Amino acid sequence: MLYAIIAVDKADSLGARLGARPAHLARLEALQNEGRLVLAGPHPAIDSPDPGTAGFSGSLIVAEFPSLSAAKQWADADPYLDAGVYREVQVKPFKRVFPT
């Protein structure tokens, strides 16, 4: 089943985000290589694809996991959490409707 991982950044976390980014991306690439990643990316803090020093307000990941508990366990191991980037992380079941 698919799960949405919805994270909210702490204020002024851009430096921590940039430092932990390689490890964060490596985990996403592993999901992609396993064919389990639907989409992933950050929410720019301003209306721009390149927010510069404004940074990001959070992230969204949609991926396949065998269960809600497995998705939560994966999310709990995110390097962004260890680095203090995320203030809050929600994991919810997700039903894909489009694209088909």
C-alpha atoms as a PDB file:
ATOM      1  CA  MET A   1       0.000   0.000   0.000  1.00  0.00           C
ATOM      2  CA  LEU A   2       1.029   3.591  -0.526  1.00  0.00           C
ATOM      3  CA  TYR A   3       1.757   5.974   2.355  1.00  0.00           C
ATOM      4  CA  ALA A   4       2.237   9.737   2.438  1.00  0.00           C
ATOM      5  CA  ILE A   5       4.987  11.014   4.697  1.00  0.00           C
ATOM      6  CA  ILE A   6       4.295  14.675   5.403  1.00  0.00           C
ATOM      7  CA  ALA A   7       7.007  16.552   7.281  1.00  0.00           C
ATOM      8  CA  VAL A   8       7.119  20.116   8.612  1.00  0.00           C
ATOM      9  CA  ASP A   9      10.487  21.828   9.020  1.00  0.00           C
ATOM     10  CA  LYS A  10      11.619  23.663  12.124  1.00  0.00           C
ATOM     11  CA  ALA A  11      12.307  27.366  11.690  1.00  0.00           C
ATOM     12  CA  ASP A  12      15.779  28.229  10.399  1.00  0.00           C
ATOM     13  CA  SER A  13      16.617  24.612   9.539  1.00  0.00           C
ATOM     14  CA  LEU A  14      18.111  25.204   6.080  1.00  0.00           C
ATOM     15  CA  GLY A  15      21.700  24.635   7.229  1.00  0.00           C
ATOM     16  CA  ALA A  16      20.784  21.374   8.939  1.00  0.00           C
ATOM     17  CA  ARG A  17      18.774  20.327   5.876  1.00  0.00           C
ATOM     18  CA  LEU A  18      21.701  20.930   3.531  1.00  0.00           C
ATOM     19  CA  GLY A  19      24.075  19.016   5.805  1.00  0.00           C
ATOM     20  CA  ALA A  20      21.825  15.945   6.031  1.00  0.00           C
ATOM     21  CA  ARG A  21      20.663  16.058   2.403  1.00  0.00           C
ATOM     22  CA  PRO A  22      23.089  13.454   0.947  1.00  0.00           C
ATOM     23  CA  ALA A  23      22.006  10.808   3.481  1.00  0.00           C
ATOM     24  CA  HIS A  24      18.331  11.742   3.044  1.00  0.00           C
ATOM     25  CA  LEU A  25      18.589  11.449  -0.749  1.00  0.00           C
ATOM     26  CA  ALA A  26      20.411   8.106  -0.505  1.00  0.00           C
ATOM     27  CA  ARG A  27      17.425   6.607   1.318  1.00  0.00           C
ATOM     28  CA  LEU A  28      15.036   7.981  -1.304  1.00  0.00           C
ATOM     29  CA  GLU A  29      17.208   6.620  -4.103  1.00  0.00           C
ATOM     30  CA  ALA A  30      17.066   3.187  -2.459  1.00  0.00           C
ATOM     31  CA  LEU A  31      13.248   3.334  -2.464  1.00  0.00           C
ATOM     32  CA  GLN A  32      13.329   4.452  -6.096  1.00  0.00           C
ATOM     33  CA  ASN A  33      15.665   1.612  -7.072  1.00  0.00           C
ATOM     34  CA  GLU A  34      13.274  -0.835  -5.401  1.00  0.00           C
ATOM     35  CA  GLY A  35      10.386   0.608  -7.466  1.00  0.00           C
ATOM     36  CA  ARG A  36       8.567   1.803  -4.325  1.00  0.00           C
ATOM     37  CA  LEU A  37       8.894   5.591  -4.625  1.00  0.00           C
ATOM     38  CA  VAL A  38       6.003   7.468  -6.256  1.00  0.00           C
ATOM     39  CA  LEU A  39       7.239  11.009  -5.576  1.00  0.00           C
ATOM     40  CA  ALA A  40       9.333  12.995  -3.147  1.00  0.00           C
ATOM     41  CA  GLY A  41      10.336  16.593  -2.704  1.00  0.00           C
ATOM     42  CA  PRO A  42      10.473  19.638  -0.471  1.00  0.00           C
ATOM     43  CA  HIS A  43       7.983  22.486  -0.054  1.00  0.00           C
ATOM     44  CA  PRO A  44       9.772  25.766  -0.838  1.00  0.00           C
ATOM     45  CA  ALA A  45       9.143  28.370   1.870  1.00  0.00           C
ATOM     46  CA  ILE A  46       8.356  30.937  -0.826  1.00  0.00           C
ATOM     47  CA  ASP A  47       6.629  30.744  -4.208  1.00  0.00           C
ATOM     48  CA  SER A  48       9.753  29.813  -6.140  1.00  0.00           C
ATOM     49  CA  PRO A  49      11.335  26.584  -7.386  1.00  0.00           C
ATOM     50  CA  ASP A  50      14.638  27.869  -5.959  1.00  0.00           C
ATOM     51  CA  PRO A  51      13.865  29.552  -2.623  1.00  0.00           C
ATOM     52  CA  GLY A  52      17.505  30.345  -1.862  1.00  0.00           C
ATOM     53  CA  THR A  53      18.057  31.375   1.743  1.00  0.00           C
ATOM     54  CA  ALA A  54      14.292  31.298   2.434  1.00  0.00           C
ATOM     55  CA  GLY A  55      14.675  27.528   2.520  1.00  0.00           C
ATOM     56  CA  PHE A  56      11.882  25.035   2.819  1.00  0.00           C
ATOM     57  CA  SER A  57       8.841  24.540   5.009  1.00  0.00           C
ATOM     58  CA  GLY A  58       8.726  20.744   4.830  1.00  0.00           C
ATOM     59  CA  SER A  59       8.708  17.679   2.611  1.00  0.00           C
ATOM     60  CA  LEU A  60       6.343  15.193   1.017  1.00  0.00           C
ATOM     61  CA  ILE A  61       7.159  11.575   0.217  1.00  0.00           C
ATOM     62  CA  VAL A  62       4.709   9.072  -1.262  1.00  0.00           C
ATOM     63  CA  ALA A  63       6.017   5.524  -1.323  1.00  0.00           C
ATOM     64  CA  GLU A  64       4.971   1.903  -1.023  1.00  0.00           C
ATOM     65  CA  PHE A  65       5.464   0.062   2.257  1.00  0.00           C
ATOM     66  CA  PRO A  66       4.087  -3.260   3.493  1.00  0.00           C
ATOM     67  CA  SER A  67       2.231  -1.602   6.381  1.00  0.00           C
ATOM     68  CA  LEU A  68       1.616   1.665   8.203  1.00  0.00           C
ATOM     69  CA  SER A  69       4.010   0.609  10.937  1.00  0.00           C
ATOM     70  CA  ALA A  70       6.737  -0.101   8.354  1.00  0.00           C
ATOM     71  CA  ALA A  71       6.182   3.331   6.797  1.00  0.00           C
ATOM     72  CA  LYS A  72       6.391   4.987  10.223  1.00  0.00           C
ATOM     73  CA  GLN A  73       9.545   3.050  11.065  1.00  0.00           C
ATOM     74  CA  TRP A  74      11.143   4.180   7.791  1.00  0.00           C
ATOM     75  CA  ALA A  75      10.100   7.800   8.402  1.00  0.00           C
ATOM     76  CA  ASP A  76      11.434   7.706  11.972  1.00  0.00           C
ATOM     77  CA  ALA A  77      14.893   6.829  10.623  1.00  0.00           C
ATOM     78  CA  ASP A  78      15.093   9.844   8.292  1.00  0.00           C
ATOM     79  CA  PRO A  79      18.416  11.699   8.591  1.00  0.00           C
ATOM     80  CA  TYR A  80      16.488  14.979   8.594  1.00  0.00           C
ATOM     81  CA  LEU A  81      14.988  13.996  11.950  1.00  0.00           C
ATOM     82  CA  ASP A  82      18.405  13.228  13.421  1.00  0.00           C
ATOM     83  CA  ALA A  83      19.730  16.553  12.084  1.00  0.00           C
ATOM     84  CA  GLY A  84      16.879  18.532  13.636  1.00  0.00           C
ATOM     85  CA  VAL A  85      15.309  19.605  10.340  1.00  0.00           C
ATOM     86  CA  TYR A  86      11.786  18.303  10.954  1.00  0.00           C
ATOM     87  CA  ARG A  87       9.496  19.640  13.668  1.00  0.00           C
ATOM     88  CA  GLU A  88       6.707  17.180  12.894  1.00  0.00           C
ATOM     89  CA  VAL A  89       6.204  14.105  10.713  1.00  0.00           C
ATOM     90  CA  GLN A  90       2.867  12.506   9.843  1.00  0.00           C
ATOM     91  CA  VAL A  91       2.493   9.177   8.062  1.00  0.00           C
ATOM     92  CA  LYS A  92      -0.863   8.427   6.462  1.00  0.00           C
ATOM     93  CA  PRO A  93      -2.224   5.750   4.139  1.00  0.00           C
ATOM     94  CA  PHE A  94      -2.527   7.145   0.614  1.00  0.00           C
ATOM     95  CA  LYS A  95      -4.848   6.024  -2.161  1.00  0.00           C
ATOM     96  CA  ARG A  96      -3.540   6.897  -5.596  1.00  0.00           C
ATOM     97  CA  VAL A  97      -6.303   7.890  -8.024  1.00  0.00           C
ATOM     98  CA  PHE A  98      -4.390   9.837 -10.691  1.00  0.00           C
ATOM     99  CA  PRO A  99      -2.411   9.428 -12.771  1.00  0.00           C
ATOM    100  CA  THR A 100      -3.712   5.996 -13.639  1.00  0.00           C
END
